[in-house]
């Protein structure tokens, strides 16, 4: 049996329940990416991309024959979006590391009033469009799925830009994601969301501390 065939076929059984190994592995890569992101390591982006590819196949359960047999198009779509943002984040952090005197990948900072005025209406429109599309596609739990998709996009963009608030957005995503994934039977992903819930608090405090230190030193974020 080839590694690729095993990856798509291997399951873990808990009584009458079955989960895919690739869901577990994909979420491990996702968690590793989050840890690296908190430490502002540029490897967070390629590591996360591997997890995105694996989880894309998981959330199209009816297409790739997952035990849940449910298509969460928002969850699958966000993996594609994550892939695009991973390229953007890698590029931005690479440039930032070259431009800053201390060769840091990104300097955490709060959004300005002008940035918030730009981001909030775009987020609202993005959510409405996502919900409309996901509902028309027959996605399971379209309202929650649309918010997870929107919030994940917003948080990942915020991470690439170095916004401290992106950690708070992840908390809001987790609060909706856990019950949705439990009901849909994606237990490893739901568990990871719970782990994220505690982890993002740690990440938020870490980035907040760095942003205050940068402010005291007069460091200006790259735009």
N, C-alpha and C. Protein backbone atom coordinates (compact mmCIF):
# COMPACT_ATOMS: atom_id res chain seq x y z
N UNK A 1 0.84 -1.19 0.00
CA UNK A 1 0.00 0.00 0.00
C UNK A 1 0.88 1.25 0.00
N UNK A 2 0.65 2.18 -0.93
CA UNK A 2 1.45 3.40 -0.99
C UNK A 2 1.07 4.33 0.15
N UNK A 3 1.96 5.26 0.45
CA UNK A 3 1.69 6.23 1.52
C UNK A 3 0.46 7.06 1.21
N UNK A 4 0.31 7.46 -0.05
CA UNK A 4 -0.84 8.28 -0.43
C UNK A 4 -2.14 7.51 -0.27
N UNK A 5 -2.13 6.23 -0.67
CA UNK A 5 -3.34 5.41 -0.53
C UNK A 5 -3.67 5.22 0.95
N UNK A 6 -2.65 4.96 1.77
CA UNK A 6 -2.89 4.80 3.21
C UNK A 6 -3.46 6.09 3.79
N UNK A 7 -2.90 7.23 3.37
CA UNK A 7 -3.32 8.51 3.92
C UNK A 7 -4.80 8.77 3.65
N UNK A 8 -5.29 8.34 2.50
CA UNK A 8 -6.69 8.58 2.15
C UNK A 8 -7.63 7.52 2.71
N UNK A 9 -7.09 6.35 3.05
CA UNK A 9 -7.96 5.25 3.48
C UNK A 9 -7.92 4.97 4.98
N UNK A 10 -6.82 5.31 5.65
CA UNK A 10 -6.63 4.91 7.05
C UNK A 10 -7.61 5.62 7.97
N UNK A 11 -8.20 4.83 8.87
CA UNK A 11 -9.17 5.35 9.82
C UNK A 11 -8.82 4.90 11.23
N UNK A 12 -9.29 5.66 12.20
CA UNK A 12 -9.21 5.28 13.60
C UNK A 12 -10.63 5.03 14.08
N UNK A 13 -10.87 3.92 14.74
CA UNK A 13 -12.22 3.55 15.15
C UNK A 13 -12.37 3.63 16.67
N UNK A 14 -13.45 4.28 17.07
CA UNK A 14 -13.83 4.36 18.48
C UNK A 14 -15.26 3.84 18.58
N UNK A 15 -15.39 2.56 18.85
CA UNK A 15 -16.72 1.97 18.85
C UNK A 15 -17.32 2.02 17.46
N UNK A 16 -18.48 2.67 17.34
CA UNK A 16 -19.14 2.80 16.04
C UNK A 16 -18.67 4.04 15.27
N UNK A 17 -17.84 4.86 15.90
CA UNK A 17 -17.36 6.07 15.27
C UNK A 17 -16.03 5.84 14.56
N UNK A 18 -15.84 6.53 13.45
CA UNK A 18 -14.57 6.43 12.71
C UNK A 18 -14.12 7.83 12.32
N UNK A 19 -12.82 8.07 12.44
CA UNK A 19 -12.23 9.33 11.99
C UNK A 19 -11.03 9.00 11.12
N UNK A 20 -10.67 9.93 10.29
CA UNK A 20 -9.58 9.72 9.35
C UNK A 20 -8.23 10.15 9.96
N UNK A 21 -7.21 9.37 9.63
CA UNK A 21 -5.88 9.74 10.07
C UNK A 21 -5.46 11.07 9.47
N UNK A 22 -5.90 11.34 8.22
CA UNK A 22 -5.47 12.59 7.60
C UNK A 22 -6.11 13.81 8.27
N UNK A 23 -7.26 13.60 8.94
CA UNK A 23 -7.82 14.71 9.72
C UNK A 23 -6.95 14.99 10.94
N UNK A 24 -6.49 13.92 11.58
CA UNK A 24 -5.62 14.07 12.74
C UNK A 24 -4.30 14.72 12.34
N UNK A 25 -3.69 14.18 11.28
CA UNK A 25 -2.39 14.69 10.83
C UNK A 25 -2.51 16.15 10.36
N UNK A 26 -3.57 16.45 9.62
CA UNK A 26 -3.78 17.81 9.14
C UNK A 26 -3.90 18.79 10.28
N UNK A 27 -4.59 18.39 11.34
CA UNK A 27 -4.75 19.28 12.49
C UNK A 27 -3.46 19.41 13.30
N UNK A 28 -2.63 18.37 13.31
CA UNK A 28 -1.33 18.48 13.97
C UNK A 28 -0.47 19.53 13.27
N UNK A 29 -0.49 19.50 11.92
CA UNK A 29 0.24 20.52 11.17
C UNK A 29 -0.35 21.91 11.44
N UNK A 30 -1.67 21.98 11.58
CA UNK A 30 -2.31 23.26 11.87
C UNK A 30 -1.89 23.80 13.22
N UNK A 31 -1.82 22.92 14.21
CA UNK A 31 -1.41 23.36 15.55
C UNK A 31 0.06 23.78 15.55
N UNK A 32 0.89 23.02 14.84
CA UNK A 32 2.31 23.37 14.74
C UNK A 32 2.47 24.74 14.09
N UNK A 33 1.66 25.00 13.08
CA UNK A 33 1.70 26.30 12.40
C UNK A 33 1.32 27.42 13.36
N UNK A 34 0.32 27.18 14.20
CA UNK A 34 -0.10 28.19 15.17
C UNK A 34 0.99 28.49 16.18
N UNK A 35 1.67 27.44 16.66
CA UNK A 35 2.76 27.62 17.62
C UNK A 35 3.89 28.44 16.98
N UNK A 36 4.23 28.08 15.74
CA UNK A 36 5.29 28.81 15.04
C UNK A 36 4.88 30.26 14.76
N UNK A 37 3.57 30.46 14.47
CA UNK A 37 3.07 31.81 14.24
C UNK A 37 3.17 32.67 15.48
N UNK A 38 2.86 32.08 16.65
CA UNK A 38 2.96 32.83 17.89
C UNK A 38 4.40 33.27 18.13
N UNK A 39 5.35 32.42 17.71
CA UNK A 39 6.77 32.73 17.90
C UNK A 39 7.32 33.55 16.73
N UNK A 40 6.43 33.89 15.79
CA UNK A 40 6.78 34.70 14.63
C UNK A 40 7.88 34.07 13.78
N UNK A 41 7.76 32.74 13.60
CA UNK A 41 8.68 32.00 12.75
C UNK A 41 8.09 31.90 11.35
N UNK A 42 8.90 32.18 10.35
CA UNK A 42 8.40 32.19 8.97
C UNK A 42 7.97 30.81 8.50
N UNK A 43 8.47 29.76 9.15
CA UNK A 43 8.09 28.39 8.77
C UNK A 43 6.63 28.10 9.08
N UNK A 44 5.96 29.00 9.83
CA UNK A 44 4.53 28.80 10.11
C UNK A 44 3.72 28.67 8.83
N UNK A 45 4.13 29.38 7.77
CA UNK A 45 3.34 29.40 6.54
C UNK A 45 3.43 28.10 5.74
N UNK A 46 4.62 27.56 5.43
CA UNK A 46 4.64 26.28 4.70
C UNK A 46 4.12 25.11 5.52
N UNK A 47 4.36 25.12 6.84
CA UNK A 47 3.83 24.06 7.69
C UNK A 47 2.30 24.09 7.67
N UNK A 48 1.75 25.27 7.79
CA UNK A 48 0.29 25.40 7.75
C UNK A 48 -0.29 24.97 6.42
N UNK A 49 0.44 25.23 5.34
CA UNK A 49 -0.05 24.89 4.00
C UNK A 49 -0.23 23.37 3.85
N UNK A 50 0.66 22.59 4.42
CA UNK A 50 0.53 21.13 4.36
C UNK A 50 -0.76 20.69 5.06
N UNK A 51 -1.01 21.27 6.22
CA UNK A 51 -2.25 20.95 6.93
C UNK A 51 -3.48 21.36 6.14
N UNK A 52 -3.41 22.50 5.46
CA UNK A 52 -4.54 22.97 4.66
C UNK A 52 -4.90 21.99 3.56
N UNK A 53 -3.89 21.45 2.88
CA UNK A 53 -4.13 20.49 1.80
C UNK A 53 -4.84 19.25 2.33
N UNK A 54 -4.36 18.74 3.45
CA UNK A 54 -4.96 17.53 4.03
C UNK A 54 -6.39 17.79 4.48
N UNK A 55 -6.62 18.90 5.16
CA UNK A 55 -7.95 19.18 5.70
C UNK A 55 -8.95 19.53 4.60
N UNK A 56 -8.47 20.05 3.49
CA UNK A 56 -9.36 20.30 2.35
C UNK A 56 -10.05 19.00 1.92
N UNK A 57 -9.31 17.93 1.87
CA UNK A 57 -9.90 16.64 1.47
C UNK A 57 -10.82 16.07 2.54
N UNK A 58 -10.58 16.45 3.79
CA UNK A 58 -11.41 15.94 4.89
C UNK A 58 -12.79 16.57 4.88
N UNK A 59 -12.84 17.90 4.70
CA UNK A 59 -14.12 18.60 4.83
C UNK A 59 -15.01 18.48 3.60
N UNK A 60 -14.47 17.96 2.50
CA UNK A 60 -15.33 17.56 1.38
C UNK A 60 -15.60 16.06 1.55
N UNK A 61 -16.28 15.77 2.64
CA UNK A 61 -16.47 14.38 3.06
C UNK A 61 -17.17 13.51 2.05
N UNK A 62 -18.18 14.05 1.37
CA UNK A 62 -18.93 13.25 0.40
C UNK A 62 -18.12 13.04 -0.88
N UNK A 63 -17.22 13.95 -1.17
CA UNK A 63 -16.39 13.85 -2.39
C UNK A 63 -15.23 12.90 -2.17
N UNK A 64 -14.55 13.03 -1.03
CA UNK A 64 -13.38 12.22 -0.75
C UNK A 64 -13.68 11.05 0.18
N UNK A 65 -14.96 10.73 0.34
CA UNK A 65 -15.39 9.53 1.07
C UNK A 65 -14.91 9.50 2.52
N UNK A 66 -15.15 10.59 3.24
CA UNK A 66 -14.87 10.63 4.67
C UNK A 66 -16.01 9.94 5.42
N UNK A 67 -15.74 9.38 6.60
CA UNK A 67 -16.79 8.69 7.36
C UNK A 67 -18.00 9.56 7.64
N UNK A 68 -17.79 10.88 7.82
CA UNK A 68 -18.90 11.78 8.14
C UNK A 68 -19.83 11.97 6.95
N UNK A 69 -19.29 11.85 5.74
CA UNK A 69 -20.09 11.98 4.51
C UNK A 69 -20.85 13.30 4.46
N UNK A 70 -20.23 14.35 4.98
CA UNK A 70 -20.85 15.68 4.98
C UNK A 70 -19.89 16.65 4.32
N UNK A 71 -20.42 17.53 3.48
CA UNK A 71 -19.60 18.56 2.84
C UNK A 71 -19.74 19.87 3.60
N UNK A 72 -18.68 20.28 4.25
CA UNK A 72 -18.63 21.60 4.88
C UNK A 72 -17.83 22.50 3.94
N UNK A 73 -18.54 23.10 3.00
CA UNK A 73 -17.86 23.86 1.95
C UNK A 73 -17.09 25.06 2.51
N UNK A 74 -17.61 25.65 3.58
CA UNK A 74 -16.91 26.77 4.19
C UNK A 74 -15.59 26.32 4.79
N UNK A 75 -15.61 25.18 5.47
CA UNK A 75 -14.39 24.64 6.06
C UNK A 75 -13.39 24.26 4.97
N UNK A 76 -13.90 23.65 3.90
CA UNK A 76 -13.02 23.28 2.79
C UNK A 76 -12.50 24.52 2.07
N UNK A 77 -13.40 25.49 1.85
CA UNK A 77 -13.01 26.71 1.16
C UNK A 77 -11.98 27.51 1.92
N UNK A 78 -12.05 27.48 3.24
CA UNK A 78 -11.08 28.27 4.00
C UNK A 78 -9.69 27.66 3.90
N UNK A 79 -9.61 26.35 3.64
CA UNK A 79 -8.29 25.74 3.45
C UNK A 79 -7.64 26.28 2.17
N UNK A 80 -8.47 26.49 1.14
CA UNK A 80 -7.96 27.09 -0.10
C UNK A 80 -7.51 28.53 0.17
N UNK A 81 -8.35 29.25 0.92
CA UNK A 81 -8.02 30.63 1.25
C UNK A 81 -6.76 30.70 2.09
N UNK A 82 -6.63 29.77 3.05
CA UNK A 82 -5.43 29.72 3.87
C UNK A 82 -4.19 29.53 3.00
N UNK A 83 -4.32 28.69 1.96
CA UNK A 83 -3.20 28.45 1.07
C UNK A 83 -2.76 29.72 0.37
N UNK A 84 -3.74 30.50 -0.10
CA UNK A 84 -3.43 31.76 -0.76
C UNK A 84 -2.79 32.74 0.23
N UNK A 85 -3.37 32.82 1.43
CA UNK A 85 -2.84 33.73 2.44
C UNK A 85 -1.49 33.28 2.96
N UNK A 86 -1.23 31.96 2.91
CA UNK A 86 0.08 31.46 3.33
C UNK A 86 1.18 31.99 2.42
N UNK A 87 0.87 32.05 1.12
CA UNK A 87 1.83 32.61 0.16
C UNK A 87 2.05 34.09 0.44
N UNK A 88 0.93 34.80 0.69
CA UNK A 88 1.01 36.24 1.01
C UNK A 88 1.78 36.46 2.31
N UNK A 89 1.46 35.66 3.34
CA UNK A 89 2.12 35.81 4.64
C UNK A 89 3.60 35.52 4.56
N UNK A 90 3.95 34.46 3.82
CA UNK A 90 5.36 34.11 3.67
C UNK A 90 6.12 35.25 2.98
N UNK A 91 5.51 35.80 1.93
CA UNK A 91 6.14 36.89 1.19
C UNK A 91 6.29 38.13 2.08
N UNK A 92 5.23 38.47 2.82
CA UNK A 92 5.27 39.67 3.65
C UNK A 92 6.27 39.54 4.79
N UNK A 93 6.25 38.38 5.47
CA UNK A 93 7.17 38.19 6.58
C UNK A 93 8.63 38.14 6.09
N UNK A 94 8.84 37.58 4.91
CA UNK A 94 10.19 37.54 4.33
C UNK A 94 10.69 38.95 4.08
N UNK A 95 9.84 39.79 3.50
CA UNK A 95 10.23 41.18 3.23
C UNK A 95 10.45 41.95 4.52
N UNK A 96 9.58 41.71 5.51
CA UNK A 96 9.70 42.42 6.78
C UNK A 96 11.00 42.06 7.47
N UNK A 97 11.36 40.79 7.40
CA UNK A 97 12.61 40.36 8.04
C UNK A 97 13.82 41.02 7.39
N UNK A 98 13.76 41.24 6.08
CA UNK A 98 14.86 41.90 5.38
C UNK A 98 14.90 43.40 5.70
N UNK A 99 13.71 43.99 5.94
CA UNK A 99 13.64 45.44 6.11
C UNK A 99 13.90 45.92 7.52
N UNK A 100 13.56 45.10 8.53
CA UNK A 100 13.72 45.55 9.92
C UNK A 100 15.16 45.39 10.37
N UNK A 101 15.59 46.31 11.23
CA UNK A 101 16.98 46.30 11.69
C UNK A 101 17.31 45.04 12.47
N UNK A 102 16.31 44.53 13.20
CA UNK A 102 16.56 43.34 14.01
C UNK A 102 16.19 42.07 13.26
N UNK A 103 15.87 42.21 11.98
CA UNK A 103 15.55 41.07 11.10
C UNK A 103 14.40 40.23 11.66
N UNK A 104 13.38 40.91 12.20
CA UNK A 104 12.20 40.21 12.68
C UNK A 104 11.22 40.01 11.53
N UNK A 105 10.47 38.93 11.58
CA UNK A 105 9.53 38.63 10.51
C UNK A 105 8.36 39.61 10.51
N UNK A 106 7.90 40.02 11.67
CA UNK A 106 6.78 40.95 11.77
C UNK A 106 6.81 41.62 13.13
N UNK A 107 6.39 42.89 13.20
CA UNK A 107 6.30 43.61 14.47
C UNK A 107 4.82 43.70 14.85
N UNK A 108 4.35 42.97 15.87
CA UNK A 108 2.94 43.02 16.26
C UNK A 108 2.50 44.42 16.63
N UNK A 109 1.29 44.78 16.20
CA UNK A 109 0.75 46.11 16.51
C UNK A 109 -0.77 46.06 16.38
N UNK A 110 -1.44 47.01 17.03
CA UNK A 110 -2.89 47.12 16.93
C UNK A 110 -3.27 47.81 15.61
N UNK A 111 -4.43 47.51 15.12
CA UNK A 111 -4.91 48.21 13.92
C UNK A 111 -5.19 49.67 14.25
N UNK A 112 -5.01 50.51 13.27
CA UNK A 112 -5.35 51.92 13.44
C UNK A 112 -6.84 52.11 13.18
N UNK A 113 -7.36 53.29 13.53
CA UNK A 113 -8.77 53.58 13.26
C UNK A 113 -9.09 53.49 11.78
N UNK A 114 -8.18 53.95 10.96
CA UNK A 114 -8.40 53.91 9.51
C UNK A 114 -8.44 52.47 9.01
N UNK A 115 -7.56 51.64 9.53
CA UNK A 115 -7.56 50.23 9.12
C UNK A 115 -8.85 49.53 9.52
N UNK A 116 -9.33 49.82 10.72
CA UNK A 116 -10.59 49.21 11.17
C UNK A 116 -11.76 49.65 10.30
N UNK A 117 -11.79 50.91 9.90
CA UNK A 117 -12.86 51.41 9.04
C UNK A 117 -12.84 50.74 7.66
N UNK A 118 -11.70 50.27 7.25
CA UNK A 118 -11.60 49.55 5.98
C UNK A 118 -11.95 48.08 6.15
N UNK A 119 -11.50 47.48 7.25
CA UNK A 119 -11.66 46.04 7.45
C UNK A 119 -13.09 45.66 7.80
N UNK A 120 -13.76 46.41 8.65
CA UNK A 120 -15.08 46.02 9.15
C UNK A 120 -16.12 45.89 8.02
N UNK A 121 -16.30 46.87 7.15
CA UNK A 121 -17.30 46.71 6.09
C UNK A 121 -16.94 45.58 5.11
N UNK A 122 -15.66 45.41 4.83
CA UNK A 122 -15.25 44.30 3.95
C UNK A 122 -15.60 42.97 4.59
N UNK A 123 -15.40 42.87 5.90
CA UNK A 123 -15.72 41.63 6.62
C UNK A 123 -17.22 41.32 6.56
N UNK A 124 -18.05 42.34 6.74
CA UNK A 124 -19.50 42.16 6.70
C UNK A 124 -19.94 41.67 5.32
N UNK A 125 -19.44 42.32 4.29
CA UNK A 125 -19.79 41.92 2.92
C UNK A 125 -19.30 40.50 2.64
N UNK A 126 -18.08 40.19 3.09
CA UNK A 126 -17.50 38.87 2.90
C UNK A 126 -18.38 37.79 3.55
N UNK A 127 -18.87 38.08 4.77
CA UNK A 127 -19.72 37.12 5.48
C UNK A 127 -21.04 36.90 4.75
N UNK A 128 -21.67 37.98 4.30
CA UNK A 128 -22.95 37.86 3.61
C UNK A 128 -22.80 37.06 2.32
N UNK A 129 -21.77 37.34 1.57
CA UNK A 129 -21.52 36.60 0.33
C UNK A 129 -21.22 35.13 0.62
N UNK A 130 -20.41 34.90 1.65
CA UNK A 130 -20.07 33.52 2.02
C UNK A 130 -21.31 32.73 2.40
N UNK A 131 -22.17 33.33 3.22
CA UNK A 131 -23.39 32.64 3.64
C UNK A 131 -24.29 32.34 2.45
N UNK A 132 -24.44 33.30 1.57
CA UNK A 132 -25.29 33.11 0.40
C UNK A 132 -24.78 31.97 -0.48
N UNK A 133 -23.49 31.96 -0.71
CA UNK A 133 -22.89 30.93 -1.56
C UNK A 133 -22.95 29.56 -0.90
N UNK A 134 -22.58 29.49 0.38
CA UNK A 134 -22.57 28.21 1.08
C UNK A 134 -23.97 27.62 1.20
N UNK A 135 -24.95 28.47 1.44
CA UNK A 135 -26.32 27.98 1.53
C UNK A 135 -26.80 27.45 0.19
N UNK A 136 -26.46 28.14 -0.89
CA UNK A 136 -26.88 27.69 -2.23
C UNK A 136 -26.19 26.39 -2.61
N UNK A 137 -24.97 26.16 -2.10
CA UNK A 137 -24.25 24.92 -2.39
C UNK A 137 -24.73 23.75 -1.54
N UNK A 138 -25.52 24.06 -0.51
CA UNK A 138 -26.01 23.00 0.37
C UNK A 138 -25.04 22.63 1.46
N UNK A 139 -24.19 23.57 1.85
CA UNK A 139 -23.23 23.31 2.91
C UNK A 139 -23.96 23.00 4.21
N UNK A 140 -23.39 22.12 5.00
CA UNK A 140 -24.00 21.72 6.26
C UNK A 140 -23.76 22.82 7.30
N UNK A 141 -24.84 23.35 7.87
CA UNK A 141 -24.72 24.44 8.84
C UNK A 141 -24.17 25.70 8.22
N UNK A 142 -24.85 26.26 7.21
CA UNK A 142 -24.26 27.36 6.43
C UNK A 142 -23.96 28.64 7.20
N UNK A 143 -24.79 29.00 8.18
CA UNK A 143 -24.55 30.23 8.93
C UNK A 143 -23.25 30.14 9.73
N UNK A 144 -23.11 29.06 10.50
CA UNK A 144 -21.90 28.87 11.29
C UNK A 144 -20.70 28.67 10.39
N UNK A 145 -20.90 27.90 9.32
CA UNK A 145 -19.82 27.63 8.38
C UNK A 145 -19.32 28.92 7.73
N UNK A 146 -20.26 29.83 7.43
CA UNK A 146 -19.89 31.11 6.82
C UNK A 146 -19.08 31.97 7.78
N UNK A 147 -19.46 31.97 9.06
CA UNK A 147 -18.69 32.76 10.01
C UNK A 147 -17.29 32.19 10.21
N UNK A 148 -17.18 30.86 10.30
CA UNK A 148 -15.87 30.24 10.46
C UNK A 148 -14.97 30.58 9.27
N UNK A 149 -15.56 30.53 8.08
CA UNK A 149 -14.81 30.87 6.87
C UNK A 149 -14.37 32.34 6.90
N UNK A 150 -15.31 33.23 7.24
CA UNK A 150 -15.01 34.66 7.27
C UNK A 150 -14.01 35.01 8.37
N UNK A 151 -14.28 34.49 9.57
CA UNK A 151 -13.39 34.79 10.69
C UNK A 151 -11.99 34.25 10.49
N UNK A 152 -11.90 33.07 9.88
CA UNK A 152 -10.59 32.47 9.62
C UNK A 152 -9.81 33.29 8.61
N UNK A 153 -10.51 33.77 7.58
CA UNK A 153 -9.86 34.62 6.58
C UNK A 153 -9.36 35.91 7.23
N UNK A 154 -10.20 36.51 8.06
CA UNK A 154 -9.85 37.76 8.72
C UNK A 154 -8.66 37.56 9.66
N UNK A 155 -8.69 36.47 10.43
CA UNK A 155 -7.62 36.22 11.40
C UNK A 155 -6.29 35.93 10.70
N UNK A 156 -6.33 35.16 9.62
CA UNK A 156 -5.09 34.83 8.92
C UNK A 156 -4.51 36.05 8.23
N UNK A 157 -5.37 36.88 7.65
CA UNK A 157 -4.90 38.14 7.07
C UNK A 157 -4.28 39.02 8.14
N UNK A 158 -4.95 39.07 9.32
CA UNK A 158 -4.43 39.87 10.43
C UNK A 158 -3.09 39.37 10.92
N UNK A 159 -2.91 38.05 10.91
CA UNK A 159 -1.62 37.48 11.32
C UNK A 159 -0.53 37.89 10.34
N UNK A 160 -0.83 37.83 9.04
CA UNK A 160 0.15 38.22 8.03
C UNK A 160 0.54 39.68 8.16
N UNK A 161 -0.45 40.53 8.53
CA UNK A 161 -0.19 41.96 8.67
C UNK A 161 0.43 42.32 10.02
N UNK A 162 0.39 41.37 10.98
CA UNK A 162 0.94 41.64 12.30
C UNK A 162 -0.02 42.28 13.26
N UNK A 163 -1.34 42.18 13.01
CA UNK A 163 -2.34 42.78 13.89
C UNK A 163 -2.52 41.95 15.16
N UNK A 164 -2.41 42.56 16.31
CA UNK A 164 -2.60 41.87 17.59
C UNK A 164 -4.01 41.29 17.69
N UNK A 165 -5.00 42.00 17.13
CA UNK A 165 -6.40 41.57 17.26
C UNK A 165 -6.71 40.23 16.62
N UNK A 166 -5.82 39.72 15.75
CA UNK A 166 -6.17 38.49 15.05
C UNK A 166 -6.36 37.33 16.02
N UNK A 167 -5.68 37.37 17.17
CA UNK A 167 -5.87 36.32 18.17
C UNK A 167 -7.29 36.36 18.73
N UNK A 168 -7.86 37.54 18.91
CA UNK A 168 -9.21 37.67 19.44
C UNK A 168 -10.24 37.17 18.43
N UNK A 169 -9.96 37.38 17.16
CA UNK A 169 -10.85 36.86 16.12
C UNK A 169 -10.88 35.34 16.16
N UNK A 170 -9.72 34.72 16.41
CA UNK A 170 -9.68 33.26 16.48
C UNK A 170 -10.55 32.73 17.61
N UNK A 171 -10.62 33.46 18.72
CA UNK A 171 -11.48 33.03 19.84
C UNK A 171 -12.93 32.98 19.38
N UNK A 172 -13.36 34.00 18.63
CA UNK A 172 -14.73 34.03 18.12
C UNK A 172 -14.97 32.92 17.12
N UNK A 173 -13.96 32.57 16.33
CA UNK A 173 -14.08 31.45 15.38
C UNK A 173 -14.22 30.13 16.14
N UNK A 174 -13.39 29.94 17.16
CA UNK A 174 -13.43 28.71 17.95
C UNK A 174 -14.78 28.51 18.64
N UNK A 175 -15.36 29.62 19.14
CA UNK A 175 -16.62 29.54 19.87
C UNK A 175 -17.75 28.99 18.99
N UNK A 176 -17.68 29.27 17.71
CA UNK A 176 -18.68 28.76 16.77
C UNK A 176 -18.26 27.41 16.21
N UNK A 177 -16.95 27.24 15.99
CA UNK A 177 -16.45 26.04 15.34
C UNK A 177 -16.60 24.77 16.15
N UNK A 178 -16.40 24.84 17.46
CA UNK A 178 -16.46 23.63 18.29
C UNK A 178 -17.82 22.95 18.21
N UNK A 179 -18.92 23.65 18.51
CA UNK A 179 -20.22 22.96 18.44
C UNK A 179 -20.57 22.48 17.03
N UNK A 180 -20.20 23.25 16.00
CA UNK A 180 -20.51 22.84 14.63
C UNK A 180 -19.79 21.54 14.28
N UNK A 181 -18.52 21.46 14.59
CA UNK A 181 -17.73 20.28 14.23
C UNK A 181 -18.11 19.05 15.05
N UNK A 182 -18.50 19.27 16.31
CA UNK A 182 -18.97 18.14 17.12
C UNK A 182 -20.25 17.56 16.54
N UNK A 183 -21.19 18.42 16.17
CA UNK A 183 -22.44 17.96 15.58
C UNK A 183 -22.21 17.25 14.25
N UNK A 184 -21.21 17.71 13.50
CA UNK A 184 -20.92 17.11 12.19
C UNK A 184 -20.08 15.85 12.30
N UNK A 185 -19.53 15.57 13.48
CA UNK A 185 -18.74 14.36 13.68
C UNK A 185 -17.27 14.50 13.38
N UNK A 186 -16.78 15.74 13.22
CA UNK A 186 -15.35 15.96 12.98
C UNK A 186 -14.65 16.18 14.32
N UNK A 187 -14.49 15.10 15.07
CA UNK A 187 -14.03 15.21 16.44
C UNK A 187 -12.59 15.69 16.60
N UNK A 188 -11.62 15.23 15.78
CA UNK A 188 -10.26 15.77 15.92
C UNK A 188 -10.21 17.27 15.68
N UNK A 189 -10.96 17.75 14.69
CA UNK A 189 -10.97 19.17 14.39
C UNK A 189 -11.63 19.96 15.52
N UNK A 190 -12.70 19.40 16.09
CA UNK A 190 -13.36 20.06 17.22
C UNK A 190 -12.42 20.13 18.42
N UNK A 191 -11.68 19.03 18.64
CA UNK A 191 -10.72 19.00 19.74
C UNK A 191 -9.64 20.05 19.54
N UNK A 192 -9.16 20.16 18.30
CA UNK A 192 -8.13 21.16 18.01
C UNK A 192 -8.66 22.57 18.25
N UNK A 193 -9.92 22.82 17.92
CA UNK A 193 -10.51 24.13 18.17
C UNK A 193 -10.50 24.44 19.66
N UNK A 194 -10.75 23.42 20.50
CA UNK A 194 -10.70 23.61 21.94
C UNK A 194 -9.28 23.95 22.39
N UNK A 195 -8.32 23.23 21.84
CA UNK A 195 -6.92 23.51 22.16
C UNK A 195 -6.55 24.93 21.74
N UNK A 196 -7.01 25.31 20.54
CA UNK A 196 -6.77 26.66 20.07
C UNK A 196 -7.34 27.69 21.04
N UNK A 197 -8.52 27.38 21.59
CA UNK A 197 -9.17 28.33 22.49
C UNK A 197 -8.27 28.75 23.63
N UNK A 198 -7.53 27.78 24.19
CA UNK A 198 -6.58 28.10 25.27
C UNK A 198 -5.31 28.71 24.69
N UNK A 199 -4.90 28.18 23.55
CA UNK A 199 -3.63 28.61 22.96
C UNK A 199 -3.66 30.06 22.51
N UNK A 200 -4.80 30.50 21.94
CA UNK A 200 -4.84 31.87 21.41
C UNK A 200 -4.74 32.91 22.52
N UNK A 201 -5.17 32.55 23.72
CA UNK A 201 -5.01 33.47 24.85
C UNK A 201 -3.52 33.68 25.13
N UNK A 202 -2.78 32.59 25.09
CA UNK A 202 -1.33 32.64 25.27
C UNK A 202 -0.69 33.47 24.15
N UNK A 203 -1.12 33.20 22.92
CA UNK A 203 -0.58 33.93 21.78
C UNK A 203 -0.89 35.41 21.85
N UNK A 204 -2.11 35.74 22.26
CA UNK A 204 -2.51 37.14 22.38
C UNK A 204 -1.64 37.87 23.39
N UNK A 205 -1.44 37.25 24.54
CA UNK A 205 -0.61 37.88 25.58
C UNK A 205 0.82 38.06 25.08
N UNK A 206 1.32 37.05 24.37
CA UNK A 206 2.69 37.12 23.85
C UNK A 206 2.85 38.26 22.85
N UNK A 207 1.92 38.37 21.88
CA UNK A 207 2.00 39.43 20.88
C UNK A 207 1.75 40.80 21.51
N UNK A 208 0.86 40.85 22.49
CA UNK A 208 0.58 42.12 23.17
C UNK A 208 1.84 42.64 23.87
N UNK A 209 2.56 41.74 24.50
CA UNK A 209 3.80 42.12 25.18
C UNK A 209 4.82 42.65 24.19
N UNK A 210 4.97 41.95 23.05
CA UNK A 210 5.93 42.39 22.04
C UNK A 210 5.53 43.73 21.45
N UNK A 211 4.21 43.92 21.22
CA UNK A 211 3.75 45.18 20.64
C UNK A 211 4.03 46.35 21.58
N UNK A 212 3.90 46.13 22.88
CA UNK A 212 4.18 47.19 23.85
C UNK A 212 5.67 47.50 23.89
N UNK A 213 6.49 46.46 23.79
CA UNK A 213 7.92 46.66 23.77
C UNK A 213 8.35 47.42 22.52
N UNK A 214 7.72 47.05 21.38
CA UNK A 214 8.03 47.73 20.13
C UNK A 214 7.61 49.20 20.18
N UNK A 215 6.46 49.46 20.82
CA UNK A 215 5.99 50.83 20.96
C UNK A 215 6.93 51.66 21.84
N UNK A 216 7.46 51.02 22.89
CA UNK A 216 8.37 51.72 23.77
C UNK A 216 9.69 52.05 23.07
N UNK A 217 10.05 51.19 22.09
CA UNK A 217 11.28 51.42 21.35
C UNK A 217 11.07 52.31 20.13
N UNK A 218 9.78 52.61 19.88
CA UNK A 218 9.47 53.46 18.73
C UNK A 218 9.54 52.73 17.42
N UNK A 219 9.34 51.38 17.44
CA UNK A 219 9.39 50.59 16.20
C UNK A 219 8.11 50.81 15.41
N UNK A 220 8.22 51.07 14.16
CA UNK A 220 7.05 51.28 13.29
C UNK A 220 6.83 50.05 12.44
N UNK A 221 5.59 49.50 12.40
CA UNK A 221 5.32 48.34 11.57
C UNK A 221 5.43 48.63 10.10
N UNK A 222 5.87 47.62 9.34
CA UNK A 222 5.95 47.79 7.87
C UNK A 222 4.55 47.79 7.31
N UNK A 223 4.29 48.69 6.38
CA UNK A 223 2.96 48.80 5.77
C UNK A 223 2.96 48.20 4.37
